[in-house]
Amino acid sequence: GNRTVYADSAKGRFTISRDNAKNTVYLQMNSL
C-alpha cells in the first residue's frame, strides 16, 4: 500500500487504498 499510480483522468479525484487484513482494495471516487 506504500506506492500508488494513477491515470491522469483519476489524479486529484480518485484514491486507491487497500486493507490487507480484509483482503480488500478500495477506489474512492470524488467529483464524479
PDB file of all heavy atoms in Angstrom:
ATOM      1  N   GLY A   1       0.788  -1.214   0.000  1.00  0.00           N
ATOM      2  CA  GLY A   1       0.000   0.000   0.000  1.00  0.00           C
ATOM      3  C   GLY A   1       0.823   1.268   0.000  1.00  0.00           C
ATOM      4  O   GLY A   1       0.268   2.369   0.031  1.00  0.00           O
ATOM      5  N   ASN A   2       2.126   1.138  -0.048  1.00  0.00           N
ATOM      6  CA  ASN A   2       3.001   2.299   0.042  1.00  0.00           C
ATOM      7  C   ASN A   2       3.170   3.055  -1.271  1.00  0.00           C
ATOM      8  O   ASN A   2       3.584   4.215  -1.260  1.00  0.00           O
ATOM      9  CB  ASN A   2       4.383   1.887   0.545  1.00  0.00           C
ATOM     10  CG  ASN A   2       4.378   1.454   1.995  1.00  0.00           C
ATOM     11  OD1 ASN A   2       3.524   1.882   2.780  1.00  0.00           O
ATOM     12  ND2 ASN A   2       5.326   0.612   2.367  1.00  0.00           N
ATOM     13  N   ARG A   3       2.864   2.414  -2.371  1.00  0.00           N
ATOM     14  CA  ARG A   3       3.043   3.044  -3.671  1.00  0.00           C
ATOM     15  C   ARG A   3       1.748   2.978  -4.457  1.00  0.00           C
ATOM     16  O   ARG A   3       1.096   1.935  -4.522  1.00  0.00           O
ATOM     17  CB  ARG A   3       4.165   2.374  -4.453  1.00  0.00           C
ATOM     18  CG  ARG A   3       5.529   2.456  -3.778  1.00  0.00           C
ATOM     19  CD  ARG A   3       6.598   1.780  -4.606  1.00  0.00           C
ATOM     20  NE  ARG A   3       7.898   1.809  -3.948  1.00  0.00           N
ATOM     21  CZ  ARG A   3       9.009   1.298  -4.439  1.00  0.00           C
ATOM     22  NH1 ARG A   3       8.984   0.697  -5.628  1.00  0.00           N
ATOM     23  NH2 ARG A   3      10.136   1.370  -3.762  1.00  0.00           N
ATOM     24  N   THR A   4       1.404   4.098  -5.057  1.00  0.00           N
ATOM     25  CA  THR A   4       0.206   4.173  -5.883  1.00  0.00           C
ATOM     26  C   THR A   4       0.520   4.858  -7.199  1.00  0.00           C
ATOM     27  O   THR A   4       1.406   5.702  -7.283  1.00  0.00           O
ATOM     28  CB  THR A   4      -0.921   4.942  -5.178  1.00  0.00           C
ATOM     29  OG1 THR A   4      -0.461   6.248  -4.810  1.00  0.00           O
ATOM     30  CG2 THR A   4      -1.361   4.208  -3.919  1.00  0.00           C
ATOM     31  N   VAL A   5      -0.216   4.487  -8.214  1.00  0.00           N
ATOM     32  CA  VAL A   5      -0.093   5.086  -9.529  1.00  0.00           C
ATOM     33  C   VAL A   5      -1.496   5.359 -10.050  1.00  0.00           C
ATOM     34  O   VAL A   5      -2.383   4.510  -9.940  1.00  0.00           O
ATOM     35  CB  VAL A   5       0.665   4.172 -10.512  1.00  0.00           C
ATOM     36  CG1 VAL A   5       0.710   4.798 -11.902  1.00  0.00           C
ATOM     37  CG2 VAL A   5       2.076   3.909 -10.015  1.00  0.00           C
ATOM     38  N   TYR A   6      -1.683   6.544 -10.635  1.00  0.00           N
ATOM     39  CA  TYR A   6      -2.986   6.932 -11.138  1.00  0.00           C
ATOM     40  C   TYR A   6      -2.913   7.345 -12.592  1.00  0.00           C
ATOM     41  O   TYR A   6      -1.928   7.925 -13.045  1.00  0.00           O
ATOM     42  CB  TYR A   6      -3.552   8.115 -10.340  1.00  0.00           C
ATOM     43  CG  TYR A   6      -3.833   7.819  -8.891  1.00  0.00           C
ATOM     44  CD1 TYR A   6      -2.870   8.056  -7.917  1.00  0.00           C
ATOM     45  CD2 TYR A   6      -5.065   7.307  -8.502  1.00  0.00           C
ATOM     46  CE1 TYR A   6      -3.133   7.786  -6.586  1.00  0.00           C
ATOM     47  CE2 TYR A   6      -5.326   7.037  -7.171  1.00  0.00           C
ATOM     48  CZ  TYR A   6      -4.359   7.278  -6.218  1.00  0.00           C
ATOM     49  OH  TYR A   6      -4.623   7.011  -4.891  1.00  0.00           O
ATOM     50  N   ALA A   7      -3.974   7.066 -13.313  1.00  0.00           N
ATOM     51  CA  ALA A   7      -4.125   7.635 -14.633  1.00  0.00           C
ATOM     52  C   ALA A   7      -4.371   9.128 -14.495  1.00  0.00           C
ATOM     53  O   ALA A   7      -4.873   9.596 -13.466  1.00  0.00           O
ATOM     54  CB  ALA A   7      -5.292   6.973 -15.364  1.00  0.00           C
ATOM     55  N   ASP A   8      -4.031   9.871 -15.535  1.00  0.00           N
ATOM     56  CA  ASP A   8      -4.242  11.311 -15.487  1.00  0.00           C
ATOM     57  C   ASP A   8      -5.700  11.663 -15.217  1.00  0.00           C
ATOM     58  O   ASP A   8      -5.998  12.643 -14.529  1.00  0.00           O
ATOM     59  CB  ASP A   8      -3.781  11.955 -16.794  1.00  0.00           C
ATOM     60  CG  ASP A   8      -2.273  11.974 -16.936  1.00  0.00           C
ATOM     61  OD1 ASP A   8      -1.570  11.833 -15.919  1.00  0.00           O
ATOM     62  OD2 ASP A   8      -1.794  12.145 -18.078  1.00  0.00           O
ATOM     63  N   SER A   9      -6.598  10.878 -15.750  1.00  0.00           N
ATOM     64  CA  SER A   9      -8.014  11.140 -15.573  1.00  0.00           C
ATOM     65  C   SER A   9      -8.471  10.971 -14.131  1.00  0.00           C
ATOM     66  O   SER A   9      -9.525  11.498 -13.751  1.00  0.00           O
ATOM     67  CB  SER A   9      -8.838  10.224 -16.482  1.00  0.00           C
ATOM     68  OG  SER A   9      -8.611   8.864 -16.169  1.00  0.00           O
ATOM     69  N   ALA A  10      -7.691  10.242 -13.341  1.00  0.00           N
ATOM     70  CA  ALA A  10      -8.067   9.960 -11.962  1.00  0.00           C
ATOM     71  C   ALA A  10      -7.335  10.819 -10.942  1.00  0.00           C
ATOM     72  O   ALA A  10      -7.808  10.961  -9.806  1.00  0.00           O
ATOM     73  CB  ALA A  10      -7.797   8.491 -11.648  1.00  0.00           C
ATOM     74  N   LYS A  11      -6.219  11.388 -11.321  1.00  0.00           N
ATOM     75  CA  LYS A  11      -5.413  12.160 -10.392  1.00  0.00           C
ATOM     76  C   LYS A  11      -6.196  13.322  -9.800  1.00  0.00           C
ATOM     77  O   LYS A  11      -6.861  14.064 -10.507  1.00  0.00           O
ATOM     78  CB  LYS A  11      -4.159  12.691 -11.085  1.00  0.00           C
ATOM     79  CG  LYS A  11      -3.155  11.623 -11.449  1.00  0.00           C
ATOM     80  CD  LYS A  11      -1.949  12.222 -12.161  1.00  0.00           C
ATOM     81  CE  LYS A  11      -0.940  11.154 -12.536  1.00  0.00           C
ATOM     82  NZ  LYS A  11       0.202  11.710 -13.282  1.00  0.00           N
ATOM     83  N   GLY A  12      -6.101  13.440  -8.489  1.00  0.00           N
ATOM     84  CA  GLY A  12      -6.767  14.531  -7.798  1.00  0.00           C
ATOM     85  C   GLY A  12      -8.211  14.273  -7.456  1.00  0.00           C
ATOM     86  O   GLY A  12      -8.806  15.028  -6.678  1.00  0.00           O
ATOM     87  N   ARG A  13      -8.796  13.234  -8.022  1.00  0.00           N
ATOM     88  CA  ARG A  13     -10.196  12.915  -7.768  1.00  0.00           C
ATOM     89  C   ARG A  13     -10.399  11.535  -7.158  1.00  0.00           C
ATOM     90  O   ARG A  13     -11.295  11.352  -6.341  1.00  0.00           O
ATOM     91  CB  ARG A  13     -11.016  13.022  -9.051  1.00  0.00           C
ATOM     92  CG  ARG A  13     -11.022  14.405  -9.686  1.00  0.00           C
ATOM     93  CD  ARG A  13     -12.037  14.483 -10.818  1.00  0.00           C
ATOM     94  NE  ARG A  13     -11.757  13.512 -11.869  1.00  0.00           N
ATOM     95  CZ  ARG A  13     -12.625  12.599 -12.309  1.00  0.00           C
ATOM     96  NH1 ARG A  13     -13.843  12.550 -11.781  1.00  0.00           N
ATOM     97  NH2 ARG A  13     -12.291  11.766 -13.280  1.00  0.00           N
ATOM     98  N   PHE A  14      -9.588  10.586  -7.582  1.00  0.00           N
ATOM     99  CA  PHE A  14      -9.734   9.211  -7.122  1.00  0.00           C
ATOM    100  C   PHE A  14      -8.592   8.843  -6.184  1.00  0.00           C
ATOM    101  O   PHE A  14      -7.465   9.321  -6.338  1.00  0.00           O
ATOM    102  CB  PHE A  14      -9.718   8.233  -8.296  1.00  0.00           C
ATOM    103  CG  PHE A  14     -10.883   8.354  -9.241  1.00  0.00           C
ATOM    104  CD1 PHE A  14     -11.883   9.300  -9.060  1.00  0.00           C
ATOM    105  CD2 PHE A  14     -10.980   7.502 -10.331  1.00  0.00           C
ATOM    106  CE1 PHE A  14     -12.952   9.402  -9.932  1.00  0.00           C
ATOM    107  CE2 PHE A  14     -12.040   7.590 -11.210  1.00  0.00           C
ATOM    108  CZ  PHE A  14     -13.026   8.540 -11.016  1.00  0.00           C
ATOM    109  N   THR A  15      -8.881   7.979  -5.237  1.00  0.00           N
ATOM    110  CA  THR A  15      -7.873   7.484  -4.317  1.00  0.00           C
ATOM    111  C   THR A  15      -8.004   5.976  -4.184  1.00  0.00           C
ATOM    112  O   THR A  15      -9.074   5.468  -3.840  1.00  0.00           O
ATOM    113  CB  THR A  15      -8.007   8.125  -2.931  1.00  0.00           C
ATOM    114  OG1 THR A  15      -7.908   9.551  -3.034  1.00  0.00           O
ATOM    115  CG2 THR A  15      -6.897   7.626  -2.011  1.00  0.00           C
ATOM    116  N   ILE A  16      -6.922   5.279  -4.457  1.00  0.00           N
ATOM    117  CA  ILE A  16      -6.921   3.838  -4.288  1.00  0.00           C
ATOM    118  C   ILE A  16      -6.273   3.515  -2.946  1.00  0.00           C
ATOM    119  O   ILE A  16      -5.306   4.157  -2.535  1.00  0.00           O
ATOM    120  CB  ILE A  16      -6.181   3.126  -5.447  1.00  0.00           C
ATOM    121  CG1 ILE A  16      -6.339   1.613  -5.344  1.00  0.00           C
ATOM    122  CG2 ILE A  16      -4.714   3.526  -5.503  1.00  0.00           C
ATOM    123  CD1 ILE A  16      -5.833   0.859  -6.568  1.00  0.00           C
ATOM    124  N   SER A  17      -6.817   2.540  -2.262  1.00  0.00           N
ATOM    125  CA  SER A  17      -6.279   2.115  -0.981  1.00  0.00           C
ATOM    126  C   SER A  17      -6.561   0.632  -0.795  1.00  0.00           C
ATOM    127  O   SER A  17      -7.312   0.030  -1.568  1.00  0.00           O
ATOM    128  CB  SER A  17      -6.879   2.932   0.174  1.00  0.00           C
ATOM    129  OG  SER A  17      -8.279   2.751   0.249  1.00  0.00           O
ATOM    130  N   ARG A  18      -5.960   0.056   0.212  1.00  0.00           N
ATOM    131  CA  ARG A  18      -6.208  -1.361   0.472  1.00  0.00           C
ATOM    132  C   ARG A  18      -6.135  -1.649   1.957  1.00  0.00           C
ATOM    133  O   ARG A  18      -5.451  -0.968   2.715  1.00  0.00           O
ATOM    134  CB  ARG A  18      -5.216  -2.238  -0.298  1.00  0.00           C
ATOM    135  CG  ARG A  18      -3.768  -2.114   0.151  1.00  0.00           C
ATOM    136  CD  ARG A  18      -2.823  -2.785  -0.853  1.00  0.00           C
ATOM    137  NE  ARG A  18      -3.059  -4.213  -0.956  1.00  0.00           N
ATOM    138  CZ  ARG A  18      -2.670  -4.974  -1.971  1.00  0.00           C
ATOM    139  NH1 ARG A  18      -2.024  -4.420  -3.004  1.00  0.00           N
ATOM    140  NH2 ARG A  18      -2.914  -6.278  -1.977  1.00  0.00           N
ATOM    141  N   ASP A  19      -6.848  -2.671   2.345  1.00  0.00           N
ATOM    142  CA  ASP A  19      -6.831  -3.171   3.705  1.00  0.00           C
ATOM    143  C   ASP A  19      -6.484  -4.646   3.605  1.00  0.00           C
ATOM    144  O   ASP A  19      -7.346  -5.480   3.324  1.00  0.00           O
ATOM    145  CB  ASP A  19      -8.179  -2.962   4.390  1.00  0.00           C
ATOM    146  CG  ASP A  19      -8.163  -3.338   5.857  1.00  0.00           C
ATOM    147  OD1 ASP A  19      -7.271  -4.099   6.282  1.00  0.00           O
ATOM    148  OD2 ASP A  19      -9.047  -2.873   6.597  1.00  0.00           O
ATOM    149  N   ASN A  20      -5.229  -4.949   3.803  1.00  0.00           N
ATOM    150  CA  ASN A  20      -4.780  -6.320   3.621  1.00  0.00           C
ATOM    151  C   ASN A  20      -5.372  -7.283   4.645  1.00  0.00           C
ATOM    152  O   ASN A  20      -5.492  -8.480   4.374  1.00  0.00           O
ATOM    153  CB  ASN A  20      -3.252  -6.378   3.658  1.00  0.00           C
ATOM    154  CG  ASN A  20      -2.626  -5.777   2.415  1.00  0.00           C
ATOM    155  OD1 ASN A  20      -3.279  -5.650   1.378  1.00  0.00           O
ATOM    156  ND2 ASN A  20      -1.358  -5.405   2.506  1.00  0.00           N
ATOM    157  N   ALA A  21      -5.726  -6.773   5.803  1.00  0.00           N
ATOM    158  CA  ALA A  21      -6.360  -7.617   6.811  1.00  0.00           C
ATOM    159  C   ALA A  21      -7.733  -8.088   6.356  1.00  0.00           C
ATOM    160  O   ALA A  21      -8.218  -9.123   6.816  1.00  0.00           O
ATOM    161  CB  ALA A  21      -6.471  -6.878   8.139  1.00  0.00           C
ATOM    162  N   LYS A  22      -8.353  -7.325   5.465  1.00  0.00           N
ATOM    163  CA  LYS A  22      -9.673  -7.671   4.946  1.00  0.00           C
ATOM    164  C   LYS A  22      -9.624  -8.182   3.517  1.00  0.00           C
ATOM    165  O   LYS A  22     -10.667  -8.440   2.919  1.00  0.00           O
ATOM    166  CB  LYS A  22     -10.599  -6.458   5.019  1.00  0.00           C
ATOM    167  CG  LYS A  22     -10.866  -5.959   6.428  1.00  0.00           C
ATOM    168  CD  LYS A  22     -11.807  -4.761   6.408  1.00  0.00           C
ATOM    169  CE  LYS A  22     -12.108  -4.273   7.808  1.00  0.00           C
ATOM    170  NZ  LYS A  22     -13.022  -3.100   7.801  1.00  0.00           N
ATOM    171  N   ASN A  23      -8.430  -8.298   2.961  1.00  0.00           N
ATOM    172  CA  ASN A  23      -8.272  -8.723   1.567  1.00  0.00           C
ATOM    173  C   ASN A  23      -9.141  -7.877   0.633  1.00  0.00           C
ATOM    174  O   ASN A  23      -9.816  -8.395  -0.262  1.00  0.00           O
ATOM    175  CB  ASN A  23      -8.630 -10.199   1.408  1.00  0.00           C
ATOM    176  CG  ASN A  23      -7.508 -11.125   1.837  1.00  0.00           C
ATOM    177  OD1 ASN A  23      -6.585 -10.719   2.544  1.00  0.00           O
ATOM    178  ND2 ASN A  23      -7.586 -12.378   1.420  1.00  0.00           N
ATOM    179  N   THR A  24      -9.099  -6.580   0.849  1.00  0.00           N
ATOM    180  CA  THR A  24      -9.969  -5.678   0.112  1.00  0.00           C
ATOM    181  C   THR A  24      -9.198  -4.470  -0.397  1.00  0.00           C
ATOM    182  O   THR A  24      -8.353  -3.922   0.312  1.00  0.00           O
ATOM    183  CB  THR A  24     -11.138  -5.208   0.988  1.00  0.00           C
ATOM    184  OG1 THR A  24     -11.868  -6.348   1.462  1.00  0.00           O
ATOM    185  CG2 THR A  24     -12.083  -4.317   0.201  1.00  0.00           C
ATOM    186  N   VAL A  25      -9.514  -4.070  -1.614  1.00  0.00           N
ATOM    187  CA  VAL A  25      -8.976  -2.848  -2.189  1.00  0.00           C
ATOM    188  C   VAL A  25     -10.141  -1.915  -2.476  1.00  0.00           C
ATOM    189  O   VAL A  25     -11.247  -2.367  -2.800  1.00  0.00           O
ATOM    190  CB  VAL A  25      -8.150  -3.135  -3.463  1.00  0.00           C
ATOM    191  CG1 VAL A  25      -9.025  -3.751  -4.556  1.00  0.00           C
ATOM    192  CG2 VAL A  25      -7.468  -1.868  -3.959  1.00  0.00           C
ATOM    193  N   TYR A  26      -9.897  -0.623  -2.338  1.00  0.00           N
ATOM    194  CA  TYR A  26     -10.943   0.374  -2.493  1.00  0.00           C
ATOM    195  C   TYR A  26     -10.566   1.393  -3.557  1.00  0.00           C
ATOM    196  O   TYR A  26      -9.393   1.633  -3.834  1.00  0.00           O
ATOM    197  CB  TYR A  26     -11.191   1.119  -1.179  1.00  0.00           C
ATOM    198  CG  TYR A  26     -11.488   0.225  -0.003  1.00  0.00           C
ATOM    199  CD1 TYR A  26     -10.479  -0.177   0.860  1.00  0.00           C
ATOM    200  CD2 TYR A  26     -12.782  -0.218   0.246  1.00  0.00           C
ATOM    201  CE1 TYR A  26     -10.748  -0.993   1.946  1.00  0.00           C
ATOM    202  CE2 TYR A  26     -13.057  -1.035   1.326  1.00  0.00           C
ATOM    203  CZ  TYR A  26     -12.039  -1.422   2.175  1.00  0.00           C
ATOM    204  OH  TYR A  26     -12.321  -2.233   3.245  1.00  0.00           O
ATOM    205  N   LEU A  27     -11.574   1.991  -4.120  1.00  0.00           N
ATOM    206  CA  LEU A  27     -11.386   3.127  -5.000  1.00  0.00           C
ATOM    207  C   LEU A  27     -12.384   4.197  -4.587  1.00  0.00           C
ATOM    208  O   LEU A  27     -13.577   4.066  -4.847  1.00  0.00           O
ATOM    209  CB  LEU A  27     -11.584   2.753  -6.469  1.00  0.00           C
ATOM    210  CG  LEU A  27     -11.299   3.882  -7.464  1.00  0.00           C
ATOM    211  CD1 LEU A  27      -9.808   4.217  -7.478  1.00  0.00           C
ATOM    212  CD2 LEU A  27     -11.770   3.500  -8.867  1.00  0.00           C
ATOM    213  N   GLN A  28     -11.882   5.216  -3.922  1.00  0.00           N
ATOM    214  CA  GLN A  28     -12.709   6.350  -3.549  1.00  0.00           C
ATOM    215  C   GLN A  28     -12.754   7.314  -4.717  1.00  0.00           C
ATOM    216  O   GLN A  28     -11.717   7.792  -5.169  1.00  0.00           O
ATOM    217  CB  GLN A  28     -12.142   7.047  -2.312  1.00  0.00           C
ATOM    218  CG  GLN A  28     -12.923   8.281  -1.873  1.00  0.00           C
ATOM    219  CD  GLN A  28     -14.300   7.959  -1.370  1.00  0.00           C
ATOM    220  OE1 GLN A  28     -14.477   7.031  -0.583  1.00  0.00           O
ATOM    221  NE2 GLN A  28     -15.295   8.712  -1.830  1.00  0.00           N
ATOM    222  N   MET A  29     -13.941   7.600  -5.199  1.00  0.00           N
ATOM    223  CA  MET A  29     -14.114   8.455  -6.362  1.00  0.00           C
ATOM    224  C   MET A  29     -14.901   9.689  -5.954  1.00  0.00           C
ATOM    225  O   MET A  29     -16.055   9.591  -5.533  1.00  0.00           O
ATOM    226  CB  MET A  29     -14.836   7.707  -7.484  1.00  0.00           C
ATOM    227  CG  MET A  29     -14.147   6.411  -7.895  1.00  0.00           C
ATOM    228  SD  MET A  29     -14.915   5.643  -9.345  1.00  0.00           S
ATOM    229  CE  MET A  29     -16.524   5.235  -8.661  1.00  0.00           C
ATOM    230  N   ASN A  30     -14.271  10.828  -6.077  1.00  0.00           N
ATOM    231  CA  ASN A  30     -14.898  12.104  -5.755  1.00  0.00           C
ATOM    232  C   ASN A  30     -15.020  12.955  -7.008  1.00  0.00           C
ATOM    233  O   ASN A  30     -14.362  12.707  -8.018  1.00  0.00           O
ATOM    234  CB  ASN A  30     -14.080  12.853  -4.702  1.00  0.00           C
ATOM    235  CG  ASN A  30     -13.963  12.116  -3.396  1.00  0.00           C
ATOM    236  OD1 ASN A  30     -14.887  11.426  -2.966  1.00  0.00           O
ATOM    237  ND2 ASN A  30     -12.814  12.265  -2.731  1.00  0.00           N
ATOM    238  N   SER A  31     -15.847  13.970  -6.915  1.00  0.00           N
ATOM    239  CA  SER A  31     -16.047  14.899  -8.031  1.00  0.00           C
ATOM    240  C   SER A  31     -16.319  14.158  -9.332  1.00  0.00           C
ATOM    241  O   SER A  31     -15.725  14.441 -10.375  1.00  0.00           O
ATOM    242  CB  SER A  31     -14.825  15.813  -8.182  1.00  0.00           C
ATOM    243  OG  SER A  31     -14.588  16.552  -6.999  1.00  0.00           O
ATOM    244  N   LEU A  32     -17.222  13.227  -9.266  1.00  0.00           N
ATOM    245  CA  LEU A  32     -17.502  12.390 -10.423  1.00  0.00           C
ATOM    246  C   LEU A  32     -18.091  13.190 -11.572  1.00  0.00           C
ATOM    247  O   LEU A  32     -18.850  14.137 -11.368  1.00  0.00           O
ATOM    248  CB  LEU A  32     -18.441  11.256 -10.030  1.00  0.00           C
ATOM    249  CG  LEU A  32     -17.772  10.128  -9.246  1.00  0.00           C
ATOM    250  CD1 LEU A  32     -18.814   9.261  -8.559  1.00  0.00           C
ATOM    251  CD2 LEU A  32     -16.911   9.285 -10.182  1.00  0.00           C
TER     252      LEU A  32
END
